[in-house]
Amino acid sequence: MHPVTRIEVAGPPGEGPACAMHLLALQTYRPRKVVVRKIAERPAATVCIGTSCSLPVTTPEQLATLLEA
């Protein structure tokens, strides 16, 4: 009825696109939101609402567009 929004951000630790996407995900208001941060070689983020997930995005601007919907 009210699905959970799961935002998963992967990327190398430290400053960079992954850090910026993680902060954006934490700062954006969404009811029933879960933010997961994983360490990976390349930055990427996905947004899942219920059982429907977006394709991975690689920049904070692309993630902001996904979170507006």
N, C-alpha and C. Protein backbone atom coordinates (compact mmCIF):
# COMPACT_ATOMS: atom_id res chain seq x y z
N MET A 1 0.82 -1.18 0.00
CA MET A 1 0.00 0.00 0.00
C MET A 1 0.88 1.25 0.00
N HIS A 2 1.85 1.33 0.89
CA HIS A 2 2.80 2.44 0.95
C HIS A 2 4.20 1.86 0.86
N PRO A 3 4.76 1.76 -0.35
CA PRO A 3 6.04 1.08 -0.51
C PRO A 3 7.21 1.86 0.08
N VAL A 4 8.24 1.11 0.43
CA VAL A 4 9.48 1.68 0.94
C VAL A 4 10.33 2.14 -0.25
N THR A 5 11.01 3.27 -0.10
CA THR A 5 11.96 3.74 -1.10
C THR A 5 13.35 3.37 -0.62
N ARG A 6 14.07 2.59 -1.40
CA ARG A 6 15.43 2.17 -1.06
C ARG A 6 16.39 2.83 -2.04
N ILE A 7 17.31 3.61 -1.51
CA ILE A 7 18.32 4.28 -2.33
C ILE A 7 19.66 3.63 -2.00
N GLU A 8 20.26 3.01 -2.99
CA GLU A 8 21.54 2.34 -2.79
C GLU A 8 22.62 3.10 -3.56
N VAL A 9 23.65 3.53 -2.84
CA VAL A 9 24.75 4.28 -3.44
C VAL A 9 26.03 3.46 -3.26
N ALA A 10 26.72 3.24 -4.36
CA ALA A 10 27.98 2.49 -4.32
C ALA A 10 29.08 3.36 -4.91
N GLY A 11 30.30 3.14 -4.44
CA GLY A 11 31.43 3.88 -4.97
C GLY A 11 32.60 3.84 -4.01
N PRO A 12 33.72 4.39 -4.42
CA PRO A 12 34.90 4.40 -3.56
C PRO A 12 34.69 5.33 -2.36
N PRO A 13 35.36 5.04 -1.24
CA PRO A 13 35.23 5.92 -0.07
C PRO A 13 35.91 7.26 -0.32
N GLY A 14 35.52 8.27 0.43
CA GLY A 14 36.13 9.59 0.31
C GLY A 14 35.34 10.50 -0.61
N GLU A 15 35.90 11.68 -0.84
CA GLU A 15 35.24 12.69 -1.68
C GLU A 15 35.06 12.19 -3.12
N GLY A 16 33.99 12.65 -3.75
CA GLY A 16 33.75 12.29 -5.14
C GLY A 16 32.26 12.13 -5.40
N PRO A 17 31.90 11.64 -6.58
CA PRO A 17 30.48 11.52 -6.95
C PRO A 17 29.69 10.62 -6.00
N ALA A 18 30.29 9.51 -5.55
CA ALA A 18 29.55 8.60 -4.66
C ALA A 18 29.23 9.29 -3.33
N CYS A 19 30.17 10.03 -2.79
CA CYS A 19 29.95 10.77 -1.54
C CYS A 19 28.85 11.81 -1.74
N ALA A 20 28.90 12.53 -2.85
CA ALA A 20 27.88 13.55 -3.14
C ALA A 20 26.50 12.92 -3.30
N MET A 21 26.42 11.76 -3.96
CA MET A 21 25.13 11.08 -4.13
C MET A 21 24.61 10.58 -2.79
N HIS A 22 25.50 10.08 -1.94
CA HIS A 22 25.10 9.59 -0.62
C HIS A 22 24.53 10.74 0.21
N LEU A 23 25.21 11.88 0.23
CA LEU A 23 24.70 13.04 0.97
C LEU A 23 23.37 13.53 0.41
N LEU A 24 23.23 13.54 -0.91
CA LEU A 24 21.97 13.94 -1.53
C LEU A 24 20.84 12.99 -1.11
N ALA A 25 21.12 11.70 -1.11
CA ALA A 25 20.11 10.72 -0.72
C ALA A 25 19.69 10.92 0.74
N LEU A 26 20.64 11.21 1.60
CA LEU A 26 20.32 11.43 3.01
C LEU A 26 19.54 12.72 3.23
N GLN A 27 19.82 13.76 2.45
CA GLN A 27 19.20 15.06 2.64
C GLN A 27 17.83 15.18 1.99
N THR A 28 17.51 14.31 1.05
CA THR A 28 16.23 14.38 0.35
C THR A 28 15.14 13.71 1.17
N TYR A 29 14.04 14.42 1.36
CA TYR A 29 12.93 13.86 2.13
C TYR A 29 12.10 12.92 1.28
N ARG A 30 11.92 11.71 1.75
CA ARG A 30 10.98 10.74 1.18
C ARG A 30 10.42 9.94 2.35
N PRO A 31 9.12 9.79 2.45
CA PRO A 31 8.57 8.93 3.52
C PRO A 31 9.04 7.49 3.32
N ARG A 32 9.28 6.79 4.40
CA ARG A 32 9.70 5.38 4.37
C ARG A 32 10.93 5.18 3.48
N LYS A 33 11.96 5.98 3.71
CA LYS A 33 13.19 5.95 2.90
C LYS A 33 14.28 5.19 3.65
N VAL A 34 15.01 4.36 2.91
CA VAL A 34 16.18 3.65 3.43
C VAL A 34 17.34 3.97 2.50
N VAL A 35 18.46 4.42 3.07
CA VAL A 35 19.65 4.73 2.27
C VAL A 35 20.74 3.74 2.64
N VAL A 36 21.31 3.09 1.63
CA VAL A 36 22.37 2.10 1.83
C VAL A 36 23.61 2.59 1.08
N ARG A 37 24.76 2.55 1.76
CA ARG A 37 26.04 2.97 1.14
C ARG A 37 26.93 1.75 1.07
N LYS A 38 27.45 1.45 -0.12
CA LYS A 38 28.35 0.31 -0.33
C LYS A 38 29.65 0.79 -0.95
N ILE A 39 30.72 0.08 -0.66
CA ILE A 39 32.02 0.39 -1.24
C ILE A 39 32.15 -0.38 -2.55
N ALA A 40 32.51 0.33 -3.62
CA ALA A 40 32.68 -0.28 -4.93
C ALA A 40 33.73 0.52 -5.70
N GLU A 41 34.16 -0.03 -6.82
CA GLU A 41 35.19 0.63 -7.62
C GLU A 41 34.67 1.88 -8.32
N ARG A 42 33.46 1.79 -8.89
CA ARG A 42 32.89 2.92 -9.64
C ARG A 42 31.62 3.42 -8.97
N PRO A 43 31.37 4.74 -9.03
CA PRO A 43 30.15 5.28 -8.40
C PRO A 43 28.90 4.93 -9.20
N ALA A 44 27.85 4.60 -8.48
CA ALA A 44 26.55 4.31 -9.08
C ALA A 44 25.49 4.37 -7.99
N ALA A 45 24.28 4.73 -8.38
CA ALA A 45 23.16 4.77 -7.44
C ALA A 45 21.92 4.23 -8.12
N THR A 46 21.10 3.52 -7.36
CA THR A 46 19.81 3.05 -7.84
C THR A 46 18.74 3.44 -6.83
N VAL A 47 17.54 3.65 -7.34
CA VAL A 47 16.40 3.98 -6.49
C VAL A 47 15.33 2.93 -6.74
N CYS A 48 14.94 2.24 -5.67
CA CYS A 48 13.89 1.23 -5.76
C CYS A 48 12.69 1.69 -4.94
N ILE A 49 11.53 1.66 -5.56
CA ILE A 49 10.29 1.97 -4.87
C ILE A 49 9.45 0.70 -4.92
N GLY A 50 9.30 0.08 -3.76
CA GLY A 50 8.65 -1.22 -3.71
C GLY A 50 9.52 -2.23 -4.43
N THR A 51 8.99 -2.86 -5.47
CA THR A 51 9.75 -3.86 -6.23
C THR A 51 10.22 -3.33 -7.58
N SER A 52 10.03 -2.04 -7.83
CA SER A 52 10.44 -1.43 -9.09
C SER A 52 11.70 -0.61 -8.87
N CYS A 53 12.77 -0.91 -9.64
CA CYS A 53 14.05 -0.22 -9.48
C CYS A 53 14.45 0.52 -10.75
N SER A 54 15.17 1.62 -10.54
CA SER A 54 15.68 2.41 -11.67
C SER A 54 16.96 1.76 -12.20
N LEU A 55 17.36 2.19 -13.37
CA LEU A 55 18.68 1.83 -13.86
C LEU A 55 19.71 2.61 -13.06
N PRO A 56 20.93 2.11 -12.94
CA PRO A 56 21.96 2.84 -12.18
C PRO A 56 22.28 4.18 -12.83
N VAL A 57 22.50 5.19 -11.98
CA VAL A 57 22.96 6.50 -12.42
C VAL A 57 24.32 6.77 -11.80
N THR A 58 25.09 7.66 -12.42
CA THR A 58 26.47 7.85 -11.98
C THR A 58 26.81 9.27 -11.53
N THR A 59 25.85 10.19 -11.55
CA THR A 59 26.12 11.56 -11.11
C THR A 59 25.06 12.02 -10.12
N PRO A 60 25.41 12.97 -9.26
CA PRO A 60 24.41 13.51 -8.33
C PRO A 60 23.23 14.17 -9.05
N GLU A 61 23.47 14.79 -10.20
CA GLU A 61 22.39 15.43 -10.94
C GLU A 61 21.37 14.40 -11.42
N GLN A 62 21.85 13.26 -11.92
CA GLN A 62 20.94 12.20 -12.37
C GLN A 62 20.15 11.63 -11.19
N LEU A 63 20.82 11.48 -10.04
CA LEU A 63 20.13 10.97 -8.86
C LEU A 63 19.07 11.96 -8.40
N ALA A 64 19.37 13.24 -8.44
CA ALA A 64 18.39 14.26 -8.05
C ALA A 64 17.15 14.17 -8.92
N THR A 65 17.33 13.93 -10.21
CA THR A 65 16.20 13.78 -11.13
C THR A 65 15.34 12.58 -10.73
N LEU A 66 15.98 11.47 -10.38
CA LEU A 66 15.23 10.28 -9.96
C LEU A 66 14.45 10.53 -8.66
N LEU A 67 15.06 11.27 -7.76
CA LEU A 67 14.42 11.50 -6.46
C LEU A 67 13.28 12.50 -6.53
N GLU A 68 13.21 13.30 -7.60
CA GLU A 68 12.12 14.25 -7.78
C GLU A 68 10.82 13.55 -8.13
N ALA A 69 10.92 12.41 -8.78
CA ALA A 69 9.72 11.70 -9.24
C ALA A 69 8.94 11.10 -8.10
